[in-house]
Amino acid sequence: MPLTLYGFRICPYVERVRILLNEKNIPAEHVDVDIRNKPDWFLKISPLGKVPVLLVDDVLLFESAVINDFLDSLSPTNSIYPADNIKKHLNKSWIEWGSTLILAAYDMTLAKEKNTFLEKKHLVEQKLATLQEQVKNAPFFNGEHFSMIDLTYAPLFKRFDCLFRIYSIDLLAKFPTLQLWSDNVLKRPSVKAGFINNFDEEWVFLLNLKGSCLVEQNIVT
């Protein structure tokens, strides 16, 4: 069936869908939406006015977790979730929890003052400590097999990697298990292809646009 994905170039929720499309070799047309100046046609098709939105024939699906569950269901014998039902739903619980970490990290990077940044960084580190307790098996969250939960955290790991390379802020320094997980996730081909080629440039542009203190201050943590 024809699929069209409406998304923003550096939206972490859109990146989750792009990675799954890559991982499962599902063809789809990609349409970029300027979410800073949302066109009327997009507001008409997106119930929440947000990306991603997936057009399936003439049906519109929204919310990245719902879209990815649908895409995974297209090949039920080759699901990207763990086969064990309890483990599958445990993964889903930590996928949902991960949204709170993404929002905390987003607020941190867009903080306009250094003190605010450091306060929000402390909150992110508390959440990372909680997450590390759940990651027991390398190389991925569930062990050897790449799963939905791994690609769900990939956009977060990408931004942590940028923070380290561009601003020398290493959020995973205290969390070696998470660092190993991040390294393995980010080097996977489907994940690499899920991010735009000039990601760093566009991410820094966004920080500039939002007035992040990262751009103008030398933050020592």
Protein backbone atom coordinates (compact mmCIF):
# COMPACT_ATOMS: atom_id res chain seq x y z
CA MET A 1 0.00 0.00 0.00
CA PRO A 2 1.28 3.53 -0.70
CA LEU A 3 2.66 5.35 2.35
CA THR A 4 3.42 9.05 2.74
CA LEU A 5 5.26 10.33 5.82
CA TYR A 6 4.80 13.99 6.71
CA GLY A 7 7.55 15.22 8.98
CA PHE A 8 10.05 17.84 10.06
CA ARG A 9 13.73 17.39 9.19
CA ILE A 10 15.07 17.19 12.76
CA CYS A 11 12.03 16.13 14.75
CA PRO A 12 13.00 13.20 17.04
CA TYR A 13 9.56 11.63 16.70
CA VAL A 14 9.77 11.71 12.90
CA GLU A 15 13.29 10.25 13.10
CA ARG A 16 11.89 7.26 14.98
CA VAL A 17 9.55 6.51 12.09
CA ARG A 18 12.24 7.04 9.44
CA ILE A 19 14.56 4.63 11.26
CA LEU A 20 11.88 1.93 11.40
CA LEU A 21 11.09 2.40 7.70
CA ASN A 22 14.80 1.89 7.02
CA GLU A 23 15.12 -1.07 9.37
CA LYS A 24 12.19 -2.91 7.79
CA ASN A 25 12.87 -1.75 4.22
CA ILE A 26 9.41 -0.25 3.87
CA PRO A 27 9.15 2.26 1.00
CA ALA A 28 7.44 5.56 1.71
CA GLU A 29 7.25 9.02 0.22
CA HIS A 30 8.66 11.70 2.53
CA VAL A 31 7.15 15.19 2.68
CA ASP A 32 8.90 17.89 4.74
CA VAL A 33 6.65 20.23 6.72
CA ASP A 34 7.83 23.59 8.08
CA ILE A 35 6.50 23.24 11.62
CA ARG A 36 7.67 26.76 12.46
CA ASN A 37 5.19 28.07 9.92
CA LYS A 38 2.67 25.29 9.48
CA PRO A 39 0.84 25.47 6.15
CA ASP A 40 -2.95 25.38 6.15
CA TRP A 41 -3.04 22.13 4.21
CA PHE A 42 -1.04 20.41 6.95
CA LEU A 43 -3.23 21.74 9.75
CA LYS A 44 -6.19 20.24 7.91
CA ILE A 45 -4.68 16.76 7.85
CA SER A 46 -3.00 16.67 11.28
CA PRO A 47 -5.49 16.44 14.15
CA LEU A 48 -2.89 17.67 16.65
CA GLY A 49 -1.06 19.99 14.29
CA LYS A 50 2.10 17.98 14.92
CA VAL A 51 4.40 15.63 13.03
CA PRO A 52 4.73 12.81 12.20
CA VAL A 53 1.64 11.98 10.23
CA LEU A 54 1.48 8.89 8.04
CA LEU A 55 -0.92 8.69 5.12
CA VAL A 56 -1.90 5.07 4.43
CA ASP A 57 -4.01 4.95 1.27
CA ASP A 58 -6.55 7.60 2.31
CA VAL A 59 -6.26 7.09 6.10
CA LEU A 60 -4.16 9.38 8.31
CA LEU A 61 -2.30 7.98 11.32
CA PHE A 62 -0.58 10.21 13.87
CA GLU A 63 1.69 9.89 16.94
CA SER A 64 5.04 8.16 16.36
CA ALA A 65 4.39 5.19 18.67
CA VAL A 66 1.09 4.43 16.92
CA ILE A 67 2.65 4.81 13.48
CA ASN A 68 5.55 2.53 14.36
CA ASP A 69 3.24 -0.10 15.81
CA PHE A 70 1.30 -0.02 12.54
CA LEU A 71 4.47 -0.32 10.45
CA ASP A 72 5.66 -3.21 12.58
CA SER A 73 2.30 -4.96 12.11
CA LEU A 74 2.82 -5.01 8.34
CA SER A 75 5.19 -7.93 8.85
CA PRO A 76 3.98 -9.66 12.04
CA THR A 77 6.27 -12.65 11.58
CA ASN A 78 9.26 -10.31 11.56
CA SER A 79 8.29 -8.01 14.43
CA ILE A 80 10.94 -5.69 15.82
CA TYR A 81 9.52 -6.15 19.31
CA PRO A 82 10.75 -8.96 21.60
CA ALA A 83 8.87 -12.22 21.06
CA ASP A 84 8.13 -12.61 24.76
CA ASN A 85 4.87 -10.79 25.49
CA ILE A 86 5.84 -9.56 28.95
CA LYS A 87 9.20 -8.27 27.71
CA LYS A 88 7.44 -6.62 24.77
CA HIS A 89 5.14 -4.66 27.05
CA LEU A 90 7.94 -3.88 29.48
CA ASN A 91 9.76 -2.35 26.50
CA LYS A 92 6.64 -0.37 25.65
CA SER A 93 6.53 0.96 29.22
CA TRP A 94 10.11 2.23 28.96
CA ILE A 95 9.43 3.63 25.51
CA GLU A 96 6.62 5.69 27.03
CA TRP A 97 8.84 6.71 29.94
CA GLY A 98 11.51 7.79 27.46
CA SER A 99 9.26 10.59 26.27
CA THR A 100 9.74 12.29 29.64
CA LEU A 101 13.50 12.06 29.17
CA ILE A 102 13.31 13.50 25.66
CA LEU A 103 11.27 16.47 26.91
CA ALA A 104 13.66 17.04 29.83
CA ALA A 105 16.64 16.99 27.47
CA TYR A 106 14.87 19.32 25.06
CA ASP A 107 14.16 21.82 27.84
CA MET A 108 17.79 21.58 28.95
CA THR A 109 19.27 22.34 25.53
CA LEU A 110 16.93 25.28 24.99
CA ALA A 111 17.58 26.87 28.39
CA LYS A 112 18.39 30.54 27.94
CA GLU A 113 20.42 30.95 31.15
CA LYS A 114 23.39 28.94 32.40
CA ASN A 115 21.90 28.30 35.84
CA THR A 116 18.69 27.04 34.27
CA PHE A 117 20.69 24.79 31.98
CA LEU A 118 22.58 23.28 34.94
CA GLU A 119 19.36 22.71 36.89
CA LYS A 120 17.75 20.94 33.94
CA LYS A 121 20.95 18.98 33.30
CA HIS A 122 20.74 17.64 36.85
CA LEU A 123 17.18 16.46 36.16
CA VAL A 124 18.29 14.75 32.95
CA GLU A 125 21.11 12.98 34.81
CA GLN A 126 18.66 11.73 37.43
CA LYS A 127 16.55 10.24 34.66
CA LEU A 128 19.62 8.71 33.02
CA ALA A 129 20.53 7.05 36.31
CA THR A 130 17.04 5.52 36.41
CA LEU A 131 17.34 4.35 32.82
CA GLN A 132 20.75 2.77 33.35
CA GLU A 133 19.23 0.47 35.97
CA GLN A 134 17.05 -1.02 33.22
CA VAL A 135 19.80 -1.67 30.68
CA LYS A 136 21.32 -5.01 31.62
CA ASN A 137 22.34 -6.58 28.32
CA ALA A 138 24.72 -5.34 25.65
CA PRO A 139 24.86 -4.44 22.86
CA PHE A 140 21.18 -3.34 22.84
CA PHE A 141 18.46 -2.87 25.43
CA ASN A 142 17.31 -6.50 25.16
CA GLY A 143 20.66 -8.02 24.33
CA GLU A 144 21.81 -9.06 20.87
CA HIS A 145 18.65 -8.13 18.99
CA PHE A 146 17.91 -4.57 17.84
CA SER A 147 14.38 -3.71 18.96
CA MET A 148 11.76 -0.97 18.82
CA ILE A 149 13.02 0.47 22.09
CA ASP A 150 16.51 0.93 20.64
CA LEU A 151 15.34 3.00 17.69
CA THR A 152 13.03 4.96 19.99
CA TYR A 153 15.99 6.20 22.03
CA ALA A 154 18.20 6.77 18.96
CA PRO A 155 17.17 10.45 18.45
CA LEU A 156 18.01 11.20 22.08
CA PHE A 157 21.41 9.53 21.76
CA LYS A 158 22.07 11.50 18.57
CA ARG A 159 21.52 14.78 20.41
CA PHE A 160 23.68 13.68 23.34
CA ASP A 161 26.42 12.87 20.83
CA CYS A 162 26.08 16.37 19.34
CA LEU A 163 26.29 17.95 22.79
CA PHE A 164 29.56 16.15 23.38
CA ARG A 165 31.14 16.77 19.97
CA ILE A 166 30.06 20.40 19.57
CA TYR A 167 29.87 21.73 23.14
CA SER A 168 32.05 19.22 25.09
CA ILE A 169 29.15 18.31 27.40
CA ASP A 170 29.26 14.57 28.05
CA LEU A 171 25.94 13.55 29.56
CA LEU A 172 26.76 9.83 29.38
CA ALA A 173 30.18 10.05 31.06
CA LYS A 174 28.72 8.81 34.36
CA PHE A 175 26.69 6.09 32.66
CA PRO A 176 28.99 3.62 30.86
CA THR A 177 26.20 1.13 30.17
CA LEU A 178 24.14 3.82 28.45
CA GLN A 179 27.21 4.99 26.54
CA LEU A 180 27.76 1.48 25.18
CA TRP A 181 24.10 1.20 24.26
CA SER A 182 24.20 4.58 22.54
CA ASP A 183 27.35 3.71 20.57
CA ASN A 184 25.82 0.48 19.28
CA VAL A 185 22.53 2.11 18.35
CA LEU A 186 24.06 5.08 16.52
CA LYS A 187 26.36 2.96 14.35
CA ARG A 188 23.50 0.82 13.00
CA PRO A 189 22.93 1.58 9.27
CA SER A 190 19.16 2.06 9.59
CA VAL A 191 19.74 4.57 12.38
CA LYS A 192 22.44 6.49 10.53
CA ALA A 193 20.13 6.81 7.52
CA GLY A 194 17.31 8.07 9.73
CA PHE A 195 19.01 11.42 10.30
CA ILE A 196 19.50 14.14 7.70
CA ASN A 197 23.03 14.60 6.38
CA ASN A 198 23.49 18.09 7.83
CA PHE A 199 21.94 17.26 11.19
CA ASP A 200 24.59 19.08 13.25
CA GLU A 201 24.13 22.29 11.27
CA GLU A 202 20.34 22.26 11.54
CA TRP A 203 20.41 21.33 15.22
CA VAL A 204 22.74 24.25 16.06
CA PHE A 205 20.56 26.52 13.92
CA LEU A 206 17.57 25.52 16.06
CA LEU A 207 19.51 26.27 19.25
CA ASN A 208 20.37 29.70 17.83
CA LEU A 209 16.79 30.31 16.83
CA LYS A 210 15.52 29.46 20.32
CA GLY A 211 18.19 31.53 22.09
CA SER A 212 19.88 28.61 23.83
CA CYS A 213 22.65 29.58 26.23
CA LEU A 214 24.75 26.79 24.72
CA VAL A 215 25.44 28.90 21.66
CA GLU A 216 26.81 31.97 23.40
CA GLN A 217 28.21 30.70 26.69
CA ASN A 218 31.06 28.41 27.62
CA ILE A 219 29.24 26.07 29.99
CA VAL A 220 31.54 24.04 32.20
CA THR A 221 29.78 21.12 33.85
